């Protein structure tokens, strides 16, 4: 069944609202953003936002589900071909870098998000964890380590998230991952290789 012009317009408006929210969240933060800010960024009336999303939590959840899903897909596509853990770490950083300002906001604000949005965030980390473990197994790095896989993954994620969450200290005028990404990956590999 063919969609009507009105249905297509509604879908386009909803998509524009999600994209506008993503852009505003990336700059202002998720908790500091009002529905009026998103309406202004999308070029629609404040009431139009509520025609598509009955609450701000619903909009926040959809934006986070959409973009966490995108990051997870990118990680899956790039991570599936990695033969070593180091290749995967680089692919992981590249996937985050495409969304660095938004991802950083998620790192900082994730505990304040509605449960549905937190579930999407946790789902993303689970997808990354799977590819991390597969790359570790394929490459054989750290396989003899006495450190459990879960700790190895959380050390990596903690390192990356610490730098992103403190970007004002590590890269006050630019991208944390451009400035420090390779250093983080290189030194993480040294840590796990020295422990094996």
N, C-alpha and C. Protein backbone atom coordinates (compact mmCIF):
# COMPACT_ATOMS: atom_id res chain seq x y z
N UNK A 1 0.83 -1.18 0.00
CA UNK A 1 0.00 0.00 0.00
C UNK A 1 0.88 1.25 0.00
N UNK A 2 0.58 2.14 -0.90
CA UNK A 2 1.37 3.36 -1.04
C UNK A 2 1.03 4.35 0.07
N UNK A 3 2.06 5.01 0.59
CA UNK A 3 1.86 5.98 1.66
C UNK A 3 1.33 7.29 1.07
N UNK A 4 0.50 7.95 1.84
CA UNK A 4 -0.03 9.24 1.41
C UNK A 4 1.03 10.31 1.60
N UNK A 5 0.81 11.45 0.96
CA UNK A 5 1.73 12.57 1.10
C UNK A 5 1.84 12.99 2.56
N UNK A 6 0.72 12.99 3.26
CA UNK A 6 0.69 13.37 4.67
C UNK A 6 1.51 12.40 5.52
N UNK A 7 1.39 11.10 5.25
CA UNK A 7 2.18 10.10 5.99
C UNK A 7 3.67 10.30 5.75
N UNK A 8 4.03 10.57 4.50
CA UNK A 8 5.43 10.81 4.17
C UNK A 8 5.95 12.06 4.88
N UNK A 9 5.13 13.12 4.92
CA UNK A 9 5.53 14.35 5.60
C UNK A 9 5.74 14.10 7.09
N UNK A 10 4.84 13.32 7.70
CA UNK A 10 4.97 13.01 9.13
C UNK A 10 6.27 12.24 9.41
N UNK A 11 6.58 11.28 8.54
CA UNK A 11 7.82 10.50 8.71
C UNK A 11 9.04 11.40 8.55
N UNK A 12 8.99 12.30 7.56
CA UNK A 12 10.12 13.20 7.34
C UNK A 12 10.31 14.15 8.53
N UNK A 13 9.19 14.63 9.07
CA UNK A 13 9.27 15.53 10.23
C UNK A 13 9.84 14.79 11.43
N UNK A 14 9.39 13.57 11.66
CA UNK A 14 9.89 12.78 12.79
C UNK A 14 11.39 12.52 12.64
N UNK A 15 11.82 12.17 11.44
CA UNK A 15 13.24 11.95 11.17
C UNK A 15 14.04 13.23 11.40
N UNK A 16 13.49 14.36 10.95
CA UNK A 16 14.16 15.65 11.14
C UNK A 16 14.27 16.01 12.62
N UNK A 17 13.24 15.68 13.39
CA UNK A 17 13.28 15.94 14.83
C UNK A 17 14.35 15.09 15.52
N UNK A 18 14.46 13.84 15.14
CA UNK A 18 15.48 12.95 15.73
C UNK A 18 16.87 13.47 15.39
N UNK A 19 17.08 13.87 14.15
CA UNK A 19 18.39 14.40 13.72
C UNK A 19 18.70 15.72 14.44
N UNK A 20 17.69 16.59 14.53
CA UNK A 20 17.90 17.87 15.22
C UNK A 20 18.23 17.64 16.69
N UNK A 21 17.53 16.71 17.33
CA UNK A 21 17.80 16.40 18.74
C UNK A 21 19.22 15.87 18.90
N UNK A 22 19.64 14.99 18.00
CA UNK A 22 21.01 14.46 18.03
C UNK A 22 22.02 15.62 17.97
N UNK A 23 21.80 16.54 17.04
CA UNK A 23 22.72 17.67 16.88
C UNK A 23 22.74 18.55 18.13
N UNK A 24 21.57 18.85 18.68
CA UNK A 24 21.50 19.70 19.87
C UNK A 24 22.09 18.98 21.08
N UNK A 25 21.76 17.71 21.26
CA UNK A 25 22.32 16.93 22.37
C UNK A 25 23.84 16.92 22.30
N UNK A 26 24.39 16.81 21.10
CA UNK A 26 25.84 16.74 20.91
C UNK A 26 26.53 18.01 21.39
N UNK A 27 25.84 19.14 21.30
CA UNK A 27 26.42 20.43 21.68
C UNK A 27 26.07 20.81 23.12
N UNK A 28 24.79 20.74 23.46
CA UNK A 28 24.31 21.22 24.76
C UNK A 28 24.28 20.17 25.85
N UNK A 29 24.24 18.92 25.46
CA UNK A 29 24.02 17.85 26.41
C UNK A 29 22.58 17.41 26.36
N UNK A 30 22.32 16.23 26.86
CA UNK A 30 20.97 15.64 26.78
C UNK A 30 20.07 16.24 27.84
N UNK A 31 20.54 16.29 29.07
CA UNK A 31 19.71 16.77 30.18
C UNK A 31 19.44 18.27 30.10
N UNK A 32 20.35 19.03 29.51
CA UNK A 32 20.20 20.49 29.45
C UNK A 32 19.32 20.95 28.28
N UNK A 33 18.95 20.04 27.41
CA UNK A 33 18.18 20.40 26.22
C UNK A 33 16.69 20.37 26.51
N UNK A 34 15.99 21.40 26.03
CA UNK A 34 14.53 21.46 26.17
C UNK A 34 13.90 21.12 24.83
N UNK A 35 12.65 20.72 24.87
CA UNK A 35 11.92 20.41 23.63
C UNK A 35 11.89 21.63 22.71
N UNK A 36 11.81 22.82 23.29
CA UNK A 36 11.79 24.05 22.49
C UNK A 36 13.10 24.22 21.72
N UNK A 37 14.21 23.80 22.31
CA UNK A 37 15.51 23.87 21.62
C UNK A 37 15.51 22.97 20.38
N UNK A 38 14.92 21.80 20.54
CA UNK A 38 14.86 20.84 19.43
C UNK A 38 13.93 21.35 18.34
N UNK A 39 12.79 21.89 18.74
CA UNK A 39 11.84 22.45 17.77
C UNK A 39 12.50 23.55 16.96
N UNK A 40 13.22 24.43 17.64
CA UNK A 40 13.91 25.53 16.96
C UNK A 40 14.94 24.99 15.98
N UNK A 41 15.74 24.03 16.42
CA UNK A 41 16.78 23.45 15.55
C UNK A 41 16.17 22.76 14.34
N UNK A 42 14.99 22.16 14.51
CA UNK A 42 14.33 21.45 13.40
C UNK A 42 13.51 22.39 12.53
N UNK A 43 13.31 23.63 13.00
CA UNK A 43 12.53 24.59 12.24
C UNK A 43 11.03 24.30 12.27
N UNK A 44 10.56 23.76 13.39
CA UNK A 44 9.13 23.46 13.54
C UNK A 44 8.62 24.11 14.83
N UNK A 45 7.32 24.14 14.98
CA UNK A 45 6.74 24.70 16.20
C UNK A 45 6.95 23.74 17.37
N UNK A 46 6.91 24.30 18.57
CA UNK A 46 7.07 23.50 19.78
C UNK A 46 6.01 22.41 19.85
N UNK A 47 4.79 22.74 19.46
CA UNK A 47 3.69 21.77 19.48
C UNK A 47 3.91 20.61 18.53
N UNK A 48 4.60 20.86 17.42
CA UNK A 48 4.87 19.80 16.45
C UNK A 48 5.70 18.69 17.07
N UNK A 49 6.63 19.06 17.93
CA UNK A 49 7.46 18.05 18.59
C UNK A 49 6.57 17.09 19.38
N UNK A 50 5.57 17.65 20.08
CA UNK A 50 4.69 16.82 20.91
C UNK A 50 3.69 16.02 20.10
N UNK A 51 3.49 16.38 18.84
CA UNK A 51 2.65 15.54 17.98
C UNK A 51 3.36 14.22 17.66
N UNK A 52 4.68 14.26 17.66
CA UNK A 52 5.48 13.08 17.32
C UNK A 52 6.00 12.33 18.54
N UNK A 53 6.24 13.06 19.62
CA UNK A 53 6.79 12.46 20.85
C UNK A 53 6.00 13.03 22.02
N UNK A 54 5.30 12.18 22.73
CA UNK A 54 4.43 12.67 23.81
C UNK A 54 5.22 13.19 25.01
N UNK A 55 6.45 12.71 25.18
CA UNK A 55 7.29 13.20 26.28
C UNK A 55 8.72 13.39 25.79
N UNK A 56 9.47 14.17 26.53
CA UNK A 56 10.87 14.36 26.19
C UNK A 56 11.64 13.04 26.35
N UNK A 57 11.26 12.24 27.34
CA UNK A 57 11.92 10.95 27.55
C UNK A 57 11.75 10.04 26.34
N UNK A 58 10.59 10.10 25.70
CA UNK A 58 10.34 9.30 24.51
C UNK A 58 11.26 9.72 23.36
N UNK A 59 11.43 11.04 23.20
CA UNK A 59 12.34 11.55 22.17
C UNK A 59 13.78 11.18 22.48
N UNK A 60 14.19 11.37 23.72
CA UNK A 60 15.56 11.02 24.13
C UNK A 60 15.83 9.55 23.84
N UNK A 61 14.89 8.69 24.22
CA UNK A 61 15.07 7.25 23.99
C UNK A 61 15.20 6.93 22.51
N UNK A 62 14.38 7.55 21.67
CA UNK A 62 14.46 7.26 20.23
C UNK A 62 15.77 7.73 19.63
N UNK A 63 16.23 8.91 20.03
CA UNK A 63 17.50 9.41 19.52
C UNK A 63 18.64 8.47 19.92
N UNK A 64 18.67 8.09 21.17
CA UNK A 64 19.75 7.24 21.66
C UNK A 64 19.67 5.85 21.03
N UNK A 65 18.48 5.30 20.91
CA UNK A 65 18.33 4.00 20.24
C UNK A 65 18.80 4.08 18.79
N UNK A 66 18.43 5.15 18.11
CA UNK A 66 18.81 5.32 16.70
C UNK A 66 20.32 5.38 16.54
N UNK A 67 20.97 6.25 17.30
CA UNK A 67 22.40 6.46 17.10
C UNK A 67 23.27 5.39 17.77
N UNK A 68 22.83 4.82 18.88
CA UNK A 68 23.56 3.68 19.44
C UNK A 68 23.47 2.50 18.47
N UNK A 69 22.31 2.34 17.85
CA UNK A 69 22.15 1.29 16.84
C UNK A 69 23.09 1.49 15.67
N UNK A 70 23.24 2.75 15.25
CA UNK A 70 24.15 3.06 14.14
C UNK A 70 25.59 2.76 14.52
N UNK A 71 25.99 3.15 15.71
CA UNK A 71 27.36 2.87 16.17
C UNK A 71 27.58 1.37 16.29
N UNK A 72 26.59 0.64 16.80
CA UNK A 72 26.70 -0.82 16.92
C UNK A 72 26.84 -1.47 15.55
N UNK A 73 26.06 -0.99 14.56
CA UNK A 73 26.17 -1.54 13.20
C UNK A 73 27.55 -1.27 12.61
N UNK A 74 28.06 -0.06 12.81
CA UNK A 74 29.39 0.27 12.31
C UNK A 74 30.45 -0.60 12.97
N UNK A 75 30.31 -0.79 14.27
CA UNK A 75 31.25 -1.64 15.00
C UNK A 75 31.19 -3.06 14.47
N UNK A 76 29.99 -3.55 14.22
CA UNK A 76 29.82 -4.90 13.69
C UNK A 76 30.47 -5.02 12.31
N UNK A 77 30.21 -4.06 11.43
CA UNK A 77 30.76 -4.11 10.07
C UNK A 77 32.28 -4.05 10.08
N UNK A 78 32.82 -3.13 10.87
CA UNK A 78 34.27 -2.97 10.89
C UNK A 78 34.96 -4.02 11.76
N UNK A 79 34.31 -4.41 12.85
CA UNK A 79 34.91 -5.35 13.79
C UNK A 79 34.94 -6.78 13.30
N UNK A 80 34.01 -7.14 12.44
CA UNK A 80 33.92 -8.52 11.97
C UNK A 80 35.14 -8.93 11.15
N UNK A 81 35.80 -7.98 10.52
CA UNK A 81 36.95 -8.28 9.67
C UNK A 81 38.30 -8.13 10.38
N UNK A 82 38.28 -7.70 11.62
CA UNK A 82 39.54 -7.46 12.33
C UNK A 82 40.17 -8.80 12.73
N UNK A 83 41.44 -8.93 12.41
CA UNK A 83 42.16 -10.17 12.71
C UNK A 83 42.88 -10.12 14.05
N UNK A 84 43.08 -8.91 14.56
CA UNK A 84 43.76 -8.76 15.85
C UNK A 84 42.97 -7.82 16.74
N UNK A 85 43.26 -7.87 18.02
CA UNK A 85 42.61 -6.96 18.95
C UNK A 85 42.98 -5.52 18.62
N UNK A 86 44.23 -5.28 18.28
CA UNK A 86 44.65 -3.90 17.96
C UNK A 86 43.84 -3.34 16.79
N UNK A 87 43.61 -4.16 15.77
CA UNK A 87 42.78 -3.71 14.64
C UNK A 87 41.38 -3.36 15.13
N UNK A 88 40.86 -4.19 16.04
CA UNK A 88 39.52 -3.91 16.55
C UNK A 88 39.50 -2.62 17.37
N UNK A 89 40.51 -2.39 18.20
CA UNK A 89 40.55 -1.16 19.00
C UNK A 89 40.52 0.06 18.08
N UNK A 90 41.28 0.00 16.99
CA UNK A 90 41.28 1.10 16.03
C UNK A 90 39.91 1.26 15.38
N UNK A 91 39.27 0.14 15.04
CA UNK A 91 37.93 0.19 14.43
C UNK A 91 36.91 0.75 15.43
N UNK A 92 37.03 0.34 16.68
CA UNK A 92 36.14 0.84 17.73
C UNK A 92 36.29 2.35 17.89
N UNK A 93 37.52 2.82 17.95
CA UNK A 93 37.75 4.26 18.08
C UNK A 93 37.23 5.02 16.86
N UNK A 94 37.39 4.43 15.67
CA UNK A 94 36.88 5.08 14.45
C UNK A 94 35.36 5.18 14.48
N UNK A 95 34.71 4.13 14.97
CA UNK A 95 33.25 4.16 15.07
C UNK A 95 32.76 5.21 16.04
N UNK A 96 33.44 5.34 17.16
CA UNK A 96 33.07 6.37 18.14
C UNK A 96 33.37 7.75 17.58
N UNK A 97 34.50 7.90 16.90
CA UNK A 97 34.93 9.21 16.40
C UNK A 97 33.89 9.84 15.48
N UNK A 98 33.16 9.01 14.73
CA UNK A 98 32.13 9.55 13.82
C UNK A 98 31.02 10.24 14.59
N UNK A 99 30.88 9.90 15.86
CA UNK A 99 29.81 10.46 16.70
C UNK A 99 30.38 10.99 18.03
N UNK A 100 31.64 11.40 18.02
CA UNK A 100 32.33 11.71 19.28
C UNK A 100 31.59 12.69 20.20
N UNK A 101 31.10 13.84 19.72
CA UNK A 101 30.42 14.75 20.66
C UNK A 101 29.18 14.11 21.31
N UNK A 102 28.38 13.40 20.53
CA UNK A 102 27.18 12.75 21.06
C UNK A 102 27.57 11.60 22.00
N UNK A 103 28.51 10.78 21.57
CA UNK A 103 28.95 9.65 22.39
C UNK A 103 29.50 10.15 23.73
N UNK A 104 30.24 11.25 23.69
CA UNK A 104 30.78 11.83 24.92
C UNK A 104 29.66 12.23 25.87
N UNK A 105 28.59 12.80 25.32
CA UNK A 105 27.44 13.17 26.16
C UNK A 105 26.83 11.92 26.79
N UNK A 106 26.79 10.83 26.05
CA UNK A 106 26.27 9.58 26.61
C UNK A 106 27.16 9.07 27.74
N UNK A 107 28.47 9.18 27.55
CA UNK A 107 29.41 8.76 28.60
C UNK A 107 29.15 9.57 29.87
N UNK A 108 28.99 10.87 29.73
CA UNK A 108 28.83 11.76 30.88
C UNK A 108 27.46 11.61 31.53
N UNK A 109 26.41 11.46 30.72
CA UNK A 109 25.04 11.54 31.23
C UNK A 109 24.31 10.21 31.32
N UNK A 110 24.93 9.10 30.98
CA UNK A 110 24.18 7.84 30.84
C UNK A 110 23.41 7.43 32.08
N UNK A 111 23.91 7.70 33.26
CA UNK A 111 23.21 7.28 34.48
C UNK A 111 21.97 8.13 34.76
N UNK A 112 21.82 9.23 34.05
CA UNK A 112 20.67 10.12 34.24
C UNK A 112 19.58 9.89 33.20
N UNK A 113 19.82 8.99 32.27
CA UNK A 113 18.90 8.77 31.16
C UNK A 113 17.71 7.91 31.57
N UNK A 114 16.60 8.05 30.82
CA UNK A 114 15.47 7.14 31.04
C UNK A 114 15.91 5.69 30.78
N UNK A 115 15.26 4.74 31.43
CA UNK A 115 15.67 3.33 31.36
C UNK A 115 15.76 2.82 29.92
N UNK A 116 14.80 3.17 29.09
CA UNK A 116 14.81 2.71 27.69
C UNK A 116 16.07 3.19 26.96
N UNK A 117 16.47 4.43 27.23
CA UNK A 117 17.68 4.97 26.62
C UNK A 117 18.92 4.28 27.19
N UNK A 118 18.94 4.03 28.49
CA UNK A 118 20.07 3.32 29.11
C UNK A 118 20.20 1.92 28.54
N UNK A 119 19.06 1.28 28.27
CA UNK A 119 19.09 -0.06 27.69
C UNK A 119 19.79 -0.04 26.32
N UNK A 120 19.53 0.99 25.53
CA UNK A 120 20.19 1.11 24.22
C UNK A 120 21.69 1.31 24.40
N UNK A 121 22.07 2.11 25.37
CA UNK A 121 23.48 2.36 25.67
C UNK A 121 24.18 1.06 26.09
N UNK A 122 23.53 0.31 26.96
CA UNK A 122 24.09 -0.97 27.42
C UNK A 122 24.15 -1.97 26.27
N UNK A 123 23.15 -1.96 25.41
CA UNK A 123 23.16 -2.83 24.23
C UNK A 123 24.34 -2.53 23.32
N UNK A 124 24.66 -1.26 23.16
CA UNK A 124 25.82 -0.88 22.35
C UNK A 124 27.09 -1.45 22.97
N UNK A 125 27.25 -1.31 24.28
CA UNK A 125 28.46 -1.81 24.93
C UNK A 125 28.54 -3.34 24.84
N UNK A 126 27.39 -4.00 24.87
CA UNK A 126 27.37 -5.47 24.72
C UNK A 126 27.85 -5.88 23.34
N UNK A 127 27.40 -5.14 22.31
CA UNK A 127 27.84 -5.44 20.94
C UNK A 127 29.34 -5.23 20.80
N UNK A 128 29.84 -4.16 21.37
CA UNK A 128 31.28 -3.89 21.31
C UNK A 128 32.04 -4.99 22.05
N UNK A 129 31.53 -5.41 23.19
CA UNK A 129 32.17 -6.46 23.98
C UNK A 129 32.30 -7.77 23.20
N UNK A 130 31.25 -8.11 22.48
CA UNK A 130 31.28 -9.33 21.67
C UNK A 130 32.41 -9.28 20.65
N UNK A 131 32.51 -8.18 19.92
CA UNK A 131 33.56 -8.06 18.90
C UNK A 131 34.94 -7.95 19.52
N UNK A 132 35.03 -7.33 20.68
CA UNK A 132 36.29 -7.27 21.42
C UNK A 132 36.77 -8.68 21.72
N UNK A 133 35.89 -9.51 22.27
CA UNK A 133 36.29 -10.87 22.65
C UNK A 133 36.63 -11.71 21.42
N UNK A 134 35.90 -11.52 20.32
CA UNK A 134 36.21 -12.27 19.10
C UNK A 134 37.56 -11.86 18.53
N UNK A 135 37.86 -10.56 18.53
CA UNK A 135 39.15 -10.09 18.03
C UNK A 135 40.28 -10.58 18.92
N UNK A 136 40.05 -10.58 20.21
CA UNK A 136 41.06 -11.06 21.15
C UNK A 136 41.37 -12.53 20.89
N UNK A 137 40.33 -13.30 20.67
CA UNK A 137 40.50 -14.73 20.40
C UNK A 137 41.22 -14.97 19.06
N UNK A 138 40.81 -14.24 18.02
CA UNK A 138 41.45 -14.40 16.70
C UNK A 138 42.92 -14.04 16.73
N UNK A 139 43.24 -12.94 17.44
CA UNK A 139 44.61 -12.46 17.46
C UNK A 139 45.50 -13.13 18.48
N UNK A 140 44.90 -13.77 19.47
CA UNK A 140 45.68 -14.45 20.49
C UNK A 140 46.35 -13.53 21.49
N UNK A 141 46.07 -12.21 21.43
CA UNK A 141 46.70 -11.28 22.37
C UNK A 141 46.05 -11.43 23.74
N UNK A 142 46.86 -11.52 24.74
CA UNK A 142 46.35 -11.54 26.10
C UNK A 142 45.62 -12.81 26.48
N UNK A 143 45.66 -13.84 25.63
CA UNK A 143 44.89 -15.05 25.93
C UNK A 143 45.44 -15.82 27.12
N UNK A 144 46.72 -15.61 27.43
CA UNK A 144 47.29 -16.29 28.57
C UNK A 144 47.20 -15.48 29.85
N UNK A 145 46.57 -14.32 29.75
CA UNK A 145 46.49 -13.43 30.91
C UNK A 145 45.61 -14.02 32.00
N UNK A 146 46.00 -13.73 33.22
CA UNK A 146 45.20 -14.17 34.36
C UNK A 146 44.00 -13.25 34.58
N UNK A 147 43.94 -12.18 33.80
CA UNK A 147 42.86 -11.20 33.93
C UNK A 147 41.66 -11.68 33.13
N UNK A 148 40.48 -11.73 33.75
CA UNK A 148 39.28 -12.17 33.02
C UNK A 148 38.95 -11.24 31.86
N UNK A 149 38.34 -11.81 30.83
CA UNK A 149 37.95 -11.05 29.64
C UNK A 149 37.10 -9.84 30.01
N UNK A 150 36.16 -10.00 30.92
CA UNK A 150 35.28 -8.89 31.29
C UNK A 150 36.07 -7.72 31.85
N UNK A 151 37.10 -8.01 32.62
CA UNK A 151 37.94 -6.94 33.18
C UNK A 151 38.77 -6.30 32.07
N UNK A 152 39.28 -7.10 31.15
CA UNK A 152 40.06 -6.55 30.04
C UNK A 152 39.21 -5.59 29.21
N UNK A 153 37.97 -5.99 28.93
CA UNK A 153 37.07 -5.13 28.16
C UNK A 153 36.74 -3.86 28.94
N UNK A 154 36.40 -4.01 30.21
CA UNK A 154 36.04 -2.84 31.01
C UNK A 154 37.22 -1.90 31.21
N UNK A 155 38.43 -2.43 31.25
CA UNK A 155 39.62 -1.57 31.31
C UNK A 155 39.72 -0.72 30.05
N UNK A 156 39.50 -1.35 28.90
CA UNK A 156 39.55 -0.62 27.63
C UNK A 156 38.46 0.46 27.60
N UNK A 157 37.25 0.06 27.89
CA UNK A 157 36.14 1.00 27.84
C UNK A 157 36.33 2.11 28.87
N UNK A 158 36.79 1.75 30.06
CA UNK A 158 37.02 2.75 31.10
C UNK A 158 38.07 3.77 30.69
N UNK A 159 39.12 3.29 30.04
CA UNK A 159 40.18 4.18 29.56
C UNK A 159 39.63 5.17 28.54
N UNK A 160 38.92 4.66 27.55
CA UNK A 160 38.35 5.52 26.50
C UNK A 160 37.33 6.48 27.10
N UNK A 161 36.46 5.97 27.94
CA UNK A 161 35.41 6.81 28.53
C UNK A 161 36.00 7.87 29.47
N UNK A 162 37.06 7.53 30.17
CA UNK A 162 37.70 8.52 31.05
C UNK A 162 38.23 9.69 30.23
N UNK A 163 38.91 9.39 29.14
CA UNK A 163 39.44 10.46 28.29
C UNK A 163 38.32 11.28 27.67
N UNK A 164 37.27 10.61 27.18
CA UNK A 164 36.15 11.35 26.58
C UNK A 164 35.44 12.21 27.62
N UNK A 165 35.18 11.65 28.79
CA UNK A 165 34.48 12.37 29.84
C UNK A 165 35.25 13.56 30.39
N UNK A 166 36.55 13.55 30.18
CA UNK A 166 37.40 14.65 30.63
C UNK A 166 38.08 15.33 29.45
N UNK A 167 37.35 15.41 28.36
CA UNK A 167 37.87 16.01 27.14
C UNK A 167 38.35 17.43 27.31
N UNK A 168 37.74 18.16 28.25
CA UNK A 168 38.18 19.53 28.49
C UNK A 168 39.62 19.58 29.00
N UNK A 169 40.09 18.51 29.60
CA UNK A 169 41.47 18.43 30.07
C UNK A 169 42.41 17.88 29.00
N UNK A 170 41.94 16.88 28.26
CA UNK A 170 42.81 16.16 27.34
C UNK A 170 42.84 16.73 25.92
N UNK A 171 41.79 17.40 25.52
CA UNK A 171 41.75 18.01 24.18
C UNK A 171 40.78 19.19 24.22
N UNK A 172 41.16 20.26 24.94
CA UNK A 172 40.22 21.35 25.15
C UNK A 172 39.72 22.03 23.87
N UNK A 173 40.46 21.92 22.81
CA UNK A 173 40.05 22.60 21.58
C UNK A 173 39.90 21.64 20.41
N UNK A 174 39.47 20.43 20.67
CA UNK A 174 39.33 19.51 19.55
C UNK A 174 38.87 18.14 19.97
N UNK A 175 39.18 17.19 19.13
CA UNK A 175 38.75 15.81 19.32
C UNK A 175 39.72 15.04 20.22
N UNK A 176 39.18 14.46 21.27
CA UNK A 176 39.98 13.62 22.16
C UNK A 176 40.55 12.44 21.38
N UNK A 177 39.71 11.82 20.56
CA UNK A 177 40.14 10.61 19.86
C UNK A 177 41.17 10.90 18.78
N UNK A 178 41.06 12.04 18.11
CA UNK A 178 42.10 12.40 17.14
C UNK A 178 43.42 12.64 17.84
N UNK A 179 43.33 13.28 18.98
CA UNK A 179 44.55 13.65 19.70
C UNK A 179 45.17 12.48 20.46
N UNK A 180 44.34 11.62 21.06
CA UNK A 180 44.86 10.58 21.96
C UNK A 180 44.49 9.15 21.59
N UNK A 181 43.66 8.95 20.58
CA UNK A 181 43.17 7.61 20.27
C UNK A 181 44.26 6.58 20.05
N UNK A 182 45.23 6.90 19.23
CA UNK A 182 46.31 5.95 18.94
C UNK A 182 47.15 5.65 20.19
N UNK A 183 47.38 6.68 20.98
CA UNK A 183 48.14 6.49 22.22
C UNK A 183 47.40 5.57 23.18
N UNK A 184 46.08 5.74 23.27
CA UNK A 184 45.28 4.88 24.15
C UNK A 184 45.37 3.43 23.69
N UNK A 185 45.19 3.20 22.39
CA UNK A 185 45.23 1.83 21.86
C UNK A 185 46.61 1.20 22.04
N UNK A 186 47.67 1.96 21.72
CA UNK A 186 49.03 1.44 21.84
C UNK A 186 49.35 1.04 23.28
N UNK A 187 49.01 1.91 24.21
CA UNK A 187 49.35 1.64 25.61
C UNK A 187 48.46 0.57 26.22
N UNK A 188 47.23 0.48 25.78
CA UNK A 188 46.37 -0.61 26.25
C UNK A 188 46.97 -1.95 25.81
N UNK A 189 47.41 -2.02 24.56
CA UNK A 189 48.01 -3.27 24.05
C UNK A 189 49.26 -3.63 24.85
N UNK A 190 50.06 -2.63 25.19
CA UNK A 190 51.25 -2.89 26.01
C UNK A 190 50.86 -3.47 27.36
N UNK A 191 49.82 -2.92 27.96
CA UNK A 191 49.35 -3.41 29.26
C UNK A 191 48.96 -4.88 29.20
N UNK A 192 48.15 -5.24 28.21
CA UNK A 192 47.67 -6.63 28.20
C UNK A 192 48.76 -7.59 27.74
N UNK A 193 49.69 -7.14 26.91
CA UNK A 193 50.76 -8.03 26.46
C UNK A 193 51.77 -8.26 27.58
N UNK A 194 52.00 -7.25 28.40
CA UNK A 194 52.92 -7.41 29.53
C UNK A 194 52.34 -8.33 30.60
N UNK A 195 51.02 -8.41 30.65
CA UNK A 195 50.37 -9.22 31.68
C UNK A 195 50.18 -10.67 31.25
N UNK A 196 50.41 -10.96 29.94
CA UNK A 196 50.17 -12.34 29.50
C UNK A 196 51.35 -13.22 29.77
